[in-house]
Amino acid sequence: MISERFALCLMELEPEKHQLSPIVVEDFEKRMVAHAYFWRPMVILDAIDLNSTRIVFTTKNDIANSTCRLRHGEGNFVKKNVIDGHLAWADARCQSKLFISDAFLGILSSRKIDDLSWTHKLKEI
């Protein structure tokens, strides 16, 4: 779920690459307190470096077609040449995760959209 300000920034910079479904956020007394969006990137990249030591595959028989989950900690990498030109995406093997580039993180920060949380930080190689 992303804020309206995040959504506006995303659609300004990468229109047509993301699906946004609007929602209304209400308090316990059913008063509207904000507008927000469920976000789904339409860009699916094969960007995770398979040589990373922190990736766990759910099926080991066919690594090329397996899904994976990322372990916490150092050692997770994405391929810079694959993500180049993309601000946000889902990965072919970790489609439940949303990824944003360092460049987009910088843009969000410059616009004071900085109340983000994440579970993994992957280095670009």
C-alpha atoms as a PDB file:
ATOM      1  CA  MET A   1       0.000   0.000   0.000  1.00  0.00           C
ATOM      2  CA  ILE A   2       1.370   3.425  -0.918  1.00  0.00           C
ATOM      3  CA  SER A   3       0.370   6.971  -0.126  1.00  0.00           C
ATOM      4  CA  GLU A   4      -1.225   9.346  -2.573  1.00  0.00           C
ATOM      5  CA  ARG A   5       2.003  11.394  -2.742  1.00  0.00           C
ATOM      6  CA  PHE A   6       4.055   8.272  -3.516  1.00  0.00           C
ATOM      7  CA  ALA A   7       1.546   7.243  -6.194  1.00  0.00           C
ATOM      8  CA  LEU A   8       1.588  10.679  -7.837  1.00  0.00           C
ATOM      9  CA  CYS A   9       5.389  10.648  -7.966  1.00  0.00           C
ATOM     10  CA  LEU A  10       5.452   7.110  -9.374  1.00  0.00           C
ATOM     11  CA  MET A  11       2.897   7.887 -12.077  1.00  0.00           C
ATOM     12  CA  GLU A  12       4.632  11.123 -13.014  1.00  0.00           C
ATOM     13  CA  LEU A  13       7.944   9.378 -13.563  1.00  0.00           C
ATOM     14  CA  GLU A  14       6.841   5.959 -14.839  1.00  0.00           C
ATOM     15  CA  PRO A  15       3.321   6.218 -16.239  1.00  0.00           C
ATOM     16  CA  GLU A  16       1.884   3.025 -17.712  1.00  0.00           C
ATOM     17  CA  LYS A  17       4.335   0.794 -15.819  1.00  0.00           C
ATOM     18  CA  HIS A  18       2.289   0.364 -12.646  1.00  0.00           C
ATOM     19  CA  GLN A  19      -1.195  -0.696 -11.642  1.00  0.00           C
ATOM     20  CA  LEU A  20      -2.715   1.362  -8.834  1.00  0.00           C
ATOM     21  CA  SER A  21      -5.994   0.502  -7.153  1.00  0.00           C
ATOM     22  CA  PRO A  22      -7.375   3.378  -5.055  1.00  0.00           C
ATOM     23  CA  ILE A  23      -8.556   2.793  -1.510  1.00  0.00           C
ATOM     24  CA  VAL A  24      -9.907   5.041   1.215  1.00  0.00           C
ATOM     25  CA  VAL A  25      -8.298   4.780   4.643  1.00  0.00           C
ATOM     26  CA  GLU A  26     -10.763   5.218   7.503  1.00  0.00           C
ATOM     27  CA  ASP A  27     -10.339   5.469  11.250  1.00  0.00           C
ATOM     28  CA  PHE A  28     -12.219   3.257  13.734  1.00  0.00           C
ATOM     29  CA  GLU A  29     -15.195   5.597  13.584  1.00  0.00           C
ATOM     30  CA  LYS A  30     -15.412   5.202   9.780  1.00  0.00           C
ATOM     31  CA  ARG A  31     -14.132   8.716   9.083  1.00  0.00           C
ATOM     32  CA  MET A  32     -11.966   9.039   5.999  1.00  0.00           C
ATOM     33  CA  VAL A  33      -8.417   9.952   7.012  1.00  0.00           C
ATOM     34  CA  ALA A  34      -6.506   9.454   3.748  1.00  0.00           C
ATOM     35  CA  HIS A  35      -6.500   8.194   0.201  1.00  0.00           C
ATOM     36  CA  ALA A  36      -4.014   5.453  -0.637  1.00  0.00           C
ATOM     37  CA  TYR A  37      -3.336   2.855  -3.325  1.00  0.00           C
ATOM     38  CA  PHE A  38      -2.585  -0.804  -3.603  1.00  0.00           C
ATOM     39  CA  TRP A  39       0.408  -0.918  -5.920  1.00  0.00           C
ATOM     40  CA  ARG A  40       1.435  -3.596  -8.387  1.00  0.00           C
ATOM     41  CA  PRO A  41       4.373  -2.979 -10.728  1.00  0.00           C
ATOM     42  CA  MET A  42       3.703  -4.179 -14.265  1.00  0.00           C
ATOM     43  CA  VAL A  43       7.437  -4.408 -14.939  1.00  0.00           C
ATOM     44  CA  ILE A  44       8.726  -7.898 -14.126  1.00  0.00           C
ATOM     45  CA  LEU A  45      12.508  -8.244 -14.310  1.00  0.00           C
ATOM     46  CA  ASP A  46      14.930 -11.123 -13.840  1.00  0.00           C
ATOM     47  CA  ALA A  47      17.232  -8.907 -11.797  1.00  0.00           C
ATOM     48  CA  ILE A  48      18.265 -10.910  -8.746  1.00  0.00           C
ATOM     49  CA  ASP A  49      21.804 -12.228  -8.959  1.00  0.00           C
ATOM     50  CA  LEU A  50      21.479 -16.017  -8.704  1.00  0.00           C
ATOM     51  CA  ASN A  51      24.994 -16.305  -7.297  1.00  0.00           C
ATOM     52  CA  SER A  52      23.877 -14.458  -4.193  1.00  0.00           C
ATOM     53  CA  THR A  53      24.431 -16.462  -1.063  1.00  0.00           C
ATOM     54  CA  ARG A  54      21.288 -15.163   0.678  1.00  0.00           C
ATOM     55  CA  ILE A  55      18.709 -16.487  -1.800  1.00  0.00           C
ATOM     56  CA  VAL A  56      16.668 -19.568  -0.895  1.00  0.00           C
ATOM     57  CA  PHE A  57      14.842 -21.361  -3.689  1.00  0.00           C
ATOM     58  CA  THR A  58      11.554 -23.100  -3.016  1.00  0.00           C
ATOM     59  CA  THR A  59      12.267 -25.708  -5.676  1.00  0.00           C
ATOM     60  CA  LYS A  60      15.856 -26.761  -6.177  1.00  0.00           C
ATOM     61  CA  ASN A  61      15.316 -29.132  -9.111  1.00  0.00           C
ATOM     62  CA  ASP A  62      14.928 -26.370 -11.695  1.00  0.00           C
ATOM     63  CA  ILE A  63      16.582 -23.205 -10.373  1.00  0.00           C
ATOM     64  CA  ALA A  64      15.956 -21.274 -13.596  1.00  0.00           C
ATOM     65  CA  ASN A  65      12.183 -21.597 -13.110  1.00  0.00           C
ATOM     66  CA  SER A  66      12.003 -21.633  -9.325  1.00  0.00           C
ATOM     67  CA  THR A  67      10.663 -18.959  -7.069  1.00  0.00           C
ATOM     68  CA  CYS A  68      12.800 -17.704  -4.250  1.00  0.00           C
ATOM     69  CA  ARG A  69      12.709 -15.845  -1.002  1.00  0.00           C
ATOM     70  CA  LEU A  70      15.418 -13.571   0.257  1.00  0.00           C
ATOM     71  CA  ARG A  71      17.085 -14.071   3.607  1.00  0.00           C
ATOM     72  CA  HIS A  72      17.742 -11.017   5.739  1.00  0.00           C
ATOM     73  CA  GLY A  73      21.247  -9.615   5.929  1.00  0.00           C
ATOM     74  CA  GLU A  74      24.119  -8.773   3.656  1.00  0.00           C
ATOM     75  CA  GLY A  75      24.722 -10.638   0.433  1.00  0.00           C
ATOM     76  CA  ASN A  76      21.658  -9.924  -1.697  1.00  0.00           C
ATOM     77  CA  PHE A  77      22.361  -8.368  -5.080  1.00  0.00           C
ATOM     78  CA  VAL A  78      20.485  -7.172  -8.149  1.00  0.00           C
ATOM     79  CA  LYS A  79      22.013  -6.778 -11.600  1.00  0.00           C
ATOM     80  CA  LYS A  80      22.511  -3.089 -12.322  1.00  0.00           C
ATOM     81  CA  ASN A  81      22.421  -3.615 -16.101  1.00  0.00           C
ATOM     82  CA  VAL A  82      18.987  -5.300 -15.816  1.00  0.00           C
ATOM     83  CA  ILE A  83      17.363  -2.661 -13.592  1.00  0.00           C
ATOM     84  CA  ASP A  84      18.891   0.277 -15.477  1.00  0.00           C
ATOM     85  CA  GLY A  85      16.137   2.650 -16.561  1.00  0.00           C
ATOM     86  CA  HIS A  86      13.535   1.216 -14.167  1.00  0.00           C
ATOM     87  CA  LEU A  87      12.470   2.958 -10.985  1.00  0.00           C
ATOM     88  CA  ALA A  88      10.338   0.140  -9.564  1.00  0.00           C
ATOM     89  CA  TRP A  89       9.619  -3.467 -10.470  1.00  0.00           C
ATOM     90  CA  ALA A  90       8.765  -6.970  -9.306  1.00  0.00           C
ATOM     91  CA  ASP A  91      11.261  -9.741  -9.816  1.00  0.00           C
ATOM     92  CA  ALA A  92      10.539 -12.857 -11.858  1.00  0.00           C
ATOM     93  CA  ARG A  93      11.554 -15.112  -8.958  1.00  0.00           C
ATOM     94  CA  CYS A  94      10.271 -13.010  -6.037  1.00  0.00           C
ATOM     95  CA  GLN A  95       7.069 -11.585  -7.455  1.00  0.00           C
ATOM     96  CA  SER A  96       5.515 -10.974  -4.061  1.00  0.00           C
ATOM     97  CA  LYS A  97       8.247  -8.420  -3.327  1.00  0.00           C
ATOM     98  CA  LEU A  98       8.310  -4.859  -4.637  1.00  0.00           C
ATOM     99  CA  PHE A  99      11.666  -3.395  -5.569  1.00  0.00           C
ATOM    100  CA  ILE A 100      12.645   0.238  -6.012  1.00  0.00           C
ATOM    101  CA  SER A 101      15.947   1.543  -7.302  1.00  0.00           C
ATOM    102  CA  ASP A 102      18.356   3.709  -5.356  1.00  0.00           C
ATOM    103  CA  ALA A 103      17.640   6.460  -7.901  1.00  0.00           C
ATOM    104  CA  PHE A 104      13.904   6.351  -7.128  1.00  0.00           C
ATOM    105  CA  LEU A 105      14.614   6.265  -3.401  1.00  0.00           C
ATOM    106  CA  GLY A 106      16.634   9.459  -3.893  1.00  0.00           C
ATOM    107  CA  ILE A 107      13.787  11.121  -5.792  1.00  0.00           C
ATOM    108  CA  LEU A 108      11.293  10.175  -3.088  1.00  0.00           C
ATOM    109  CA  SER A 109      13.603  11.530  -0.404  1.00  0.00           C
ATOM    110  CA  SER A 110      14.084  14.816  -2.283  1.00  0.00           C
ATOM    111  CA  ARG A 111      10.284  15.189  -2.328  1.00  0.00           C
ATOM    112  CA  LYS A 112      10.123  14.441   1.391  1.00  0.00           C
ATOM    113  CA  ILE A 113       8.359  11.127   0.821  1.00  0.00           C
ATOM    114  CA  ASP A 114      10.519   9.312   3.299  1.00  0.00           C
ATOM    115  CA  ASP A 115       8.263   7.301   5.580  1.00  0.00           C
ATOM    116  CA  LEU A 116       9.126   4.059   3.804  1.00  0.00           C
ATOM    117  CA  SER A 117       9.875   0.706   5.324  1.00  0.00           C
ATOM    118  CA  TRP A 118      11.556  -2.285   3.753  1.00  0.00           C
ATOM    119  CA  THR A 119      12.646  -5.760   4.695  1.00  0.00           C
ATOM    120  CA  HIS A 120      15.633  -6.087   2.349  1.00  0.00           C
ATOM    121  CA  LYS A 121      18.184  -3.751   0.864  1.00  0.00           C
ATOM    122  CA  LEU A 122      19.893  -5.247  -2.173  1.00  0.00           C
ATOM    123  CA  LYS A 123      23.137  -3.919  -3.609  1.00  0.00           C
ATOM    124  CA  GLU A 124      23.429  -3.179  -7.315  1.00  0.00           C
ATOM    125  CA  ILE A 125      26.278  -5.006  -9.035  1.00  0.00           C
END
